[in-house]
Amino acid sequence: MKKSFFSVAILATLLFAACKNNDPLIDKGVVINGVTWATRNVGSTVGTFVDKPENYGGYYKWQEAKTACPSGWRLPTGDELGTLLDTDKVSNKWTTLNGINGYRFKDIATGKNIFLPAGSRCSSDGVLFETEIGIDGCYWSSSPLGDFAGHLYFFSEKLGLYAESRATGSSVRCVKSKFNP
């Protein structure tokens, strides 16, 4: 009897730990304008998420970013990033979360939202400009644009999709893979 009680207690503890929101391998995501977005950025270790939505995570060159998402997730296409800019369905606001600047994107129909923290390595030589932390954000798409790649770029007064050098270090926010749920 004692043995089965302890087995159940251990199993319950493991299941509870696996379901916590800050598990680096698990993110249930949130649907915004028809796309399931991870609620946190990819961490500095490929295949993991940061523990909080306001944490910047790792900064990846485009080629690295294409395989940085955890299993079941992938880099969004340019069109998927564009769904965040559809102001008929998604509101966006420059805001602060726990002292970190960034953009909040909120699905107008459901009220569900994600926060993208501002921070990037905005030079092609890979040097992280500390002045960019909290000032602007760059998020990769999987869409190549000639010698460049598409990305979401923002700061407090500007938000849009642009082409960027593939050597720039940008954040990664994954979308749920439809082929590997």
C-alpha atoms as a PDB file:
ATOM      1  CA  MET A   1       0.000   0.000   0.000  1.00  0.00           C
ATOM      2  CA  LYS A   2       2.777   2.430   0.943  1.00  0.00           C
ATOM      3  CA  LYS A   3       4.633   1.608  -2.274  1.00  0.00           C
ATOM      4  CA  SER A   4       1.640   2.405  -4.509  1.00  0.00           C
ATOM      5  CA  PHE A   5       0.933   5.642  -2.579  1.00  0.00           C
ATOM      6  CA  PHE A   6       4.509   6.800  -3.132  1.00  0.00           C
ATOM      7  CA  SER A   7       4.351   5.804  -6.812  1.00  0.00           C
ATOM      8  CA  VAL A   8       1.178   7.846  -7.286  1.00  0.00           C
ATOM      9  CA  ALA A   9       2.696  10.803  -5.414  1.00  0.00           C
ATOM     10  CA  ILE A  10       5.842  10.725  -7.551  1.00  0.00           C
ATOM     11  CA  LEU A  11       3.823  10.433 -10.768  1.00  0.00           C
ATOM     12  CA  ALA A  12       1.586  13.362  -9.748  1.00  0.00           C
ATOM     13  CA  THR A  13       4.647  15.484  -8.939  1.00  0.00           C
ATOM     14  CA  LEU A  14       6.230  14.737 -12.319  1.00  0.00           C
ATOM     15  CA  LEU A  15       3.013  15.517 -14.199  1.00  0.00           C
ATOM     16  CA  PHE A  16       2.562  18.778 -12.294  1.00  0.00           C
ATOM     17  CA  ALA A  17       6.153  19.808 -13.002  1.00  0.00           C
ATOM     18  CA  ALA A  18       5.758  19.048 -16.711  1.00  0.00           C
ATOM     19  CA  CYS A  19       2.644  21.226 -16.968  1.00  0.00           C
ATOM     20  CA  LYS A  20       4.122  24.350 -15.401  1.00  0.00           C
ATOM     21  CA  ASN A  21       4.235  27.357 -17.727  1.00  0.00           C
ATOM     22  CA  ASN A  22       7.950  27.905 -17.241  1.00  0.00           C
ATOM     23  CA  ASP A  23       9.055  24.454 -18.408  1.00  0.00           C
ATOM     24  CA  PRO A  24      11.669  25.121 -21.128  1.00  0.00           C
ATOM     25  CA  LEU A  25      10.335  22.322 -23.338  1.00  0.00           C
ATOM     26  CA  ILE A  26       6.568  22.867 -23.000  1.00  0.00           C
ATOM     27  CA  ASP A  27       4.399  25.752 -24.157  1.00  0.00           C
ATOM     28  CA  LYS A  28       0.692  25.273 -24.852  1.00  0.00           C
ATOM     29  CA  GLY A  29       0.570  28.402 -26.982  1.00  0.00           C
ATOM     30  CA  VAL A  30      -2.250  30.834 -27.638  1.00  0.00           C
ATOM     31  CA  VAL A  31      -4.287  31.338 -30.811  1.00  0.00           C
ATOM     32  CA  ILE A  32      -4.164  34.846 -32.255  1.00  0.00           C
ATOM     33  CA  ASN A  33      -5.903  35.518 -35.558  1.00  0.00           C
ATOM     34  CA  GLY A  34      -5.917  31.818 -36.443  1.00  0.00           C
ATOM     35  CA  VAL A  35      -2.239  31.119 -35.682  1.00  0.00           C
ATOM     36  CA  THR A  36      -1.079  29.282 -32.539  1.00  0.00           C
ATOM     37  CA  TRP A  37       1.838  31.276 -31.094  1.00  0.00           C
ATOM     38  CA  ALA A  38       4.210  30.178 -28.345  1.00  0.00           C
ATOM     39  CA  THR A  39       3.821  32.431 -25.314  1.00  0.00           C
ATOM     40  CA  ARG A  40       7.600  32.702 -24.844  1.00  0.00           C
ATOM     41  CA  ASN A  41      10.696  33.198 -27.010  1.00  0.00           C
ATOM     42  CA  VAL A  42      13.182  30.464 -27.795  1.00  0.00           C
ATOM     43  CA  GLY A  43      15.944  30.444 -25.194  1.00  0.00           C
ATOM     44  CA  SER A  44      19.659  30.711 -25.754  1.00  0.00           C
ATOM     45  CA  THR A  45      19.706  26.900 -25.975  1.00  0.00           C
ATOM     46  CA  VAL A  46      18.196  25.608 -29.218  1.00  0.00           C
ATOM     47  CA  GLY A  47      14.971  23.665 -28.660  1.00  0.00           C
ATOM     48  CA  THR A  48      13.978  25.368 -25.404  1.00  0.00           C
ATOM     49  CA  PHE A  49      11.738  28.238 -24.356  1.00  0.00           C
ATOM     50  CA  VAL A  50      12.652  30.972 -21.864  1.00  0.00           C
ATOM     51  CA  ASP A  51      10.873  30.788 -18.516  1.00  0.00           C
ATOM     52  CA  LYS A  52       8.911  34.078 -18.759  1.00  0.00           C
ATOM     53  CA  PRO A  53       7.213  35.919 -21.660  1.00  0.00           C
ATOM     54  CA  GLU A  54       9.283  39.052 -21.021  1.00  0.00           C
ATOM     55  CA  ASN A  55      12.642  37.256 -21.247  1.00  0.00           C
ATOM     56  CA  TYR A  56      14.470  37.996 -24.497  1.00  0.00           C
ATOM     57  CA  GLY A  57      15.842  34.520 -25.109  1.00  0.00           C
ATOM     58  CA  GLY A  58      18.574  33.816 -27.614  1.00  0.00           C
ATOM     59  CA  TYR A  59      19.488  35.864 -30.660  1.00  0.00           C
ATOM     60  CA  TYR A  60      19.854  33.736 -33.750  1.00  0.00           C
ATOM     61  CA  LYS A  61      21.137  34.271 -37.266  1.00  0.00           C
ATOM     62  CA  TRP A  62      18.484  33.295 -39.809  1.00  0.00           C
ATOM     63  CA  GLN A  63      19.976  29.915 -40.729  1.00  0.00           C
ATOM     64  CA  GLU A  64      20.165  28.961 -37.026  1.00  0.00           C
ATOM     65  CA  ALA A  65      16.673  30.313 -36.334  1.00  0.00           C
ATOM     66  CA  LYS A  66      15.107  27.924 -38.846  1.00  0.00           C
ATOM     67  CA  THR A  67      15.872  24.968 -36.535  1.00  0.00           C
ATOM     68  CA  ALA A  68      15.781  26.682 -33.122  1.00  0.00           C
ATOM     69  CA  CYS A  69      12.177  25.902 -32.137  1.00  0.00           C
ATOM     70  CA  PRO A  70      11.344  23.022 -29.782  1.00  0.00           C
ATOM     71  CA  SER A  71       9.732  19.867 -31.165  1.00  0.00           C
ATOM     72  CA  GLY A  72       6.207  20.503 -32.447  1.00  0.00           C
ATOM     73  CA  TRP A  73       6.976  24.163 -33.129  1.00  0.00           C
ATOM     74  CA  ARG A  74       8.546  25.999 -36.070  1.00  0.00           C
ATOM     75  CA  LEU A  75       9.611  29.409 -37.289  1.00  0.00           C
ATOM     76  CA  PRO A  76       6.593  31.418 -38.554  1.00  0.00           C
ATOM     77  CA  THR A  77       6.263  32.355 -42.199  1.00  0.00           C
ATOM     78  CA  GLY A  78       6.151  36.000 -43.228  1.00  0.00           C
ATOM     79  CA  ASP A  79       2.398  35.635 -43.777  1.00  0.00           C
ATOM     80  CA  GLU A  80       1.952  34.262 -40.241  1.00  0.00           C
ATOM     81  CA  LEU A  81       3.899  37.195 -38.780  1.00  0.00           C
ATOM     82  CA  GLY A  82       1.671  39.422 -40.902  1.00  0.00           C
ATOM     83  CA  THR A  83      -1.443  38.110 -39.125  1.00  0.00           C
ATOM     84  CA  LEU A  84      -0.247  39.995 -36.034  1.00  0.00           C
ATOM     85  CA  LEU A  85      -0.461  43.245 -38.028  1.00  0.00           C
ATOM     86  CA  ASP A  86      -4.081  42.737 -39.179  1.00  0.00           C
ATOM     87  CA  THR A  87      -5.638  45.550 -37.133  1.00  0.00           C
ATOM     88  CA  ASP A  88      -9.167  44.365 -37.950  1.00  0.00           C
ATOM     89  CA  LYS A  89      -8.485  41.225 -35.888  1.00  0.00           C
ATOM     90  CA  VAL A  90      -5.477  42.008 -33.695  1.00  0.00           C
ATOM     91  CA  SER A  91      -4.757  45.046 -31.535  1.00  0.00           C
ATOM     92  CA  ASN A  92      -1.138  45.924 -30.822  1.00  0.00           C
ATOM     93  CA  LYS A  93       0.378  48.196 -28.233  1.00  0.00           C
ATOM     94  CA  TRP A  94       3.891  49.207 -27.179  1.00  0.00           C
ATOM     95  CA  THR A  95       3.898  48.446 -23.481  1.00  0.00           C
ATOM     96  CA  THR A  96       5.976  47.239 -20.540  1.00  0.00           C
ATOM     97  CA  LEU A  97       5.771  43.813 -18.871  1.00  0.00           C
ATOM     98  CA  ASN A  98       7.634  43.503 -15.565  1.00  0.00           C
ATOM     99  CA  GLY A  99       9.940  46.367 -16.538  1.00  0.00           C
ATOM    100  CA  ILE A 100      10.641  45.107 -20.087  1.00  0.00           C
ATOM    101  CA  ASN A 101       9.521  47.091 -23.151  1.00  0.00           C
ATOM    102  CA  GLY A 102       7.882  45.349 -26.078  1.00  0.00           C
ATOM    103  CA  TYR A 103       4.681  44.875 -28.056  1.00  0.00           C
ATOM    104  CA  ARG A 104       1.533  43.156 -26.855  1.00  0.00           C
ATOM    105  CA  PHE A 105      -0.587  41.581 -29.601  1.00  0.00           C
ATOM    106  CA  LYS A 106      -4.174  40.847 -28.583  1.00  0.00           C
ATOM    107  CA  ASP A 107      -6.759  38.853 -30.548  1.00  0.00           C
ATOM    108  CA  ILE A 108      -9.772  41.185 -30.641  1.00  0.00           C
ATOM    109  CA  ALA A 109     -12.315  38.332 -30.756  1.00  0.00           C
ATOM    110  CA  THR A 110     -10.922  36.241 -27.871  1.00  0.00           C
ATOM    111  CA  GLY A 111      -8.872  38.676 -25.776  1.00  0.00           C
ATOM    112  CA  LYS A 112      -5.925  36.257 -25.786  1.00  0.00           C
ATOM    113  CA  ASN A 113      -2.527  37.879 -26.192  1.00  0.00           C
ATOM    114  CA  ILE A 114       1.220  37.479 -26.496  1.00  0.00           C
ATOM    115  CA  PHE A 115       4.034  39.828 -25.492  1.00  0.00           C
ATOM    116  CA  LEU A 116       7.137  40.197 -27.675  1.00  0.00           C
ATOM    117  CA  PRO A 117      10.009  41.778 -25.739  1.00  0.00           C
ATOM    118  CA  ALA A 118      12.182  44.366 -27.490  1.00  0.00           C
ATOM    119  CA  GLY A 119      15.808  43.362 -27.965  1.00  0.00           C
ATOM    120  CA  SER A 120      18.053  42.327 -30.832  1.00  0.00           C
ATOM    121  CA  ARG A 121      21.556  42.003 -32.226  1.00  0.00           C
ATOM    122  CA  CYS A 122      21.114  44.504 -35.019  1.00  0.00           C
ATOM    123  CA  SER A 123      24.436  44.298 -36.779  1.00  0.00           C
ATOM    124  CA  SER A 124      25.558  41.773 -39.338  1.00  0.00           C
ATOM    125  CA  ASP A 125      28.772  41.069 -37.415  1.00  0.00           C
ATOM    126  CA  GLY A 126      26.703  39.563 -34.593  1.00  0.00           C
ATOM    127  CA  VAL A 127      27.638  42.068 -31.875  1.00  0.00           C
ATOM    128  CA  LEU A 128      24.775  42.652 -29.442  1.00  0.00           C
ATOM    129  CA  PHE A 129      24.154  46.371 -29.125  1.00  0.00           C
ATOM    130  CA  GLU A 130      23.164  46.846 -25.500  1.00  0.00           C
ATOM    131  CA  THR A 131      21.380  50.044 -26.549  1.00  0.00           C
ATOM    132  CA  GLU A 132      18.896  47.907 -28.547  1.00  0.00           C
ATOM    133  CA  ILE A 133      17.687  46.061 -25.441  1.00  0.00           C
ATOM    134  CA  GLY A 134      14.268  47.462 -24.590  1.00  0.00           C
ATOM    135  CA  ILE A 135      14.335  49.797 -27.596  1.00  0.00           C
ATOM    136  CA  ASP A 136      13.556  47.681 -30.641  1.00  0.00           C
ATOM    137  CA  GLY A 137      12.709  44.113 -31.484  1.00  0.00           C
ATOM    138  CA  CYS A 138      13.428  41.855 -34.434  1.00  0.00           C
ATOM    139  CA  TYR A 139      11.691  38.493 -34.915  1.00  0.00           C
ATOM    140  CA  TRP A 140      12.592  36.107 -37.738  1.00  0.00           C
ATOM    141  CA  SER A 141      10.237  34.576 -40.263  1.00  0.00           C
ATOM    142  CA  SER A 142      11.083  31.474 -42.283  1.00  0.00           C
ATOM    143  CA  SER A 143      10.549  33.422 -45.513  1.00  0.00           C
ATOM    144  CA  PRO A 144      13.658  34.100 -47.604  1.00  0.00           C
ATOM    145  CA  LEU A 145      13.717  37.390 -49.527  1.00  0.00           C
ATOM    146  CA  GLY A 146      16.547  37.083 -52.017  1.00  0.00           C
ATOM    147  CA  ASP A 147      19.805  37.465 -50.068  1.00  0.00           C
ATOM    148  CA  PHE A 148      17.782  38.638 -47.056  1.00  0.00           C
ATOM    149  CA  ALA A 149      15.055  37.135 -44.876  1.00  0.00           C
ATOM    150  CA  GLY A 150      11.741  38.476 -43.660  1.00  0.00           C
ATOM    151  CA  HIS A 151      11.309  39.631 -40.108  1.00  0.00           C
ATOM    152  CA  LEU A 152       8.982  41.578 -37.838  1.00  0.00           C
ATOM    153  CA  TYR A 153      10.696  44.775 -36.712  1.00  0.00           C
ATOM    154  CA  PHE A 154       9.377  47.221 -34.138  1.00  0.00           C
ATOM    155  CA  PHE A 155      10.095  50.013 -31.724  1.00  0.00           C
ATOM    156  CA  SER A 156       7.736  52.266 -29.792  1.00  0.00           C
ATOM    157  CA  GLU A 157       6.485  54.198 -32.841  1.00  0.00           C
ATOM    158  CA  LYS A 158       6.965  51.722 -35.692  1.00  0.00           C
ATOM    159  CA  LEU A 159       5.855  48.172 -36.403  1.00  0.00           C
ATOM    160  CA  GLY A 160       6.107  46.217 -39.654  1.00  0.00           C
ATOM    161  CA  LEU A 161       7.515  43.430 -41.793  1.00  0.00           C
ATOM    162  CA  TYR A 162      10.890  44.069 -43.432  1.00  0.00           C
ATOM    163  CA  ALA A 163      13.839  42.354 -45.097  1.00  0.00           C
ATOM    164  CA  GLU A 164      16.952  41.890 -42.965  1.00  0.00           C
ATOM    165  CA  SER A 165      20.475  40.546 -43.400  1.00  0.00           C
ATOM    166  CA  ARG A 166      20.497  36.836 -42.589  1.00  0.00           C
ATOM    167  CA  ALA A 167      23.537  37.434 -40.347  1.00  0.00           C
ATOM    168  CA  THR A 168      21.618  39.706 -37.975  1.00  0.00           C
ATOM    169  CA  GLY A 169      20.852  38.214 -34.578  1.00  0.00           C
ATOM    170  CA  SER A 170      17.111  38.268 -33.985  1.00  0.00           C
ATOM    171  CA  SER A 171      14.668  36.698 -31.566  1.00  0.00           C
ATOM    172  CA  VAL A 172      12.592  33.640 -32.371  1.00  0.00           C
ATOM    173  CA  ARG A 173       8.914  33.278 -31.483  1.00  0.00           C
ATOM    174  CA  CYS A 174       7.609  29.934 -32.687  1.00  0.00           C
ATOM    175  CA  VAL A 175       4.250  28.884 -34.081  1.00  0.00           C
ATOM    176  CA  LYS A 176       2.660  25.480 -33.614  1.00  0.00           C
ATOM    177  CA  SER A 177       3.514  23.100 -36.398  1.00  0.00           C
ATOM    178  CA  LYS A 178       0.385  21.785 -38.116  1.00  0.00           C
ATOM    179  CA  PHE A 179       2.270  18.668 -39.137  1.00  0.00           C
ATOM    180  CA  ASN A 180       3.731  17.816 -35.716  1.00  0.00           C
ATOM    181  CA  PRO A 181       1.227  18.834 -32.998  1.00  0.00           C
END
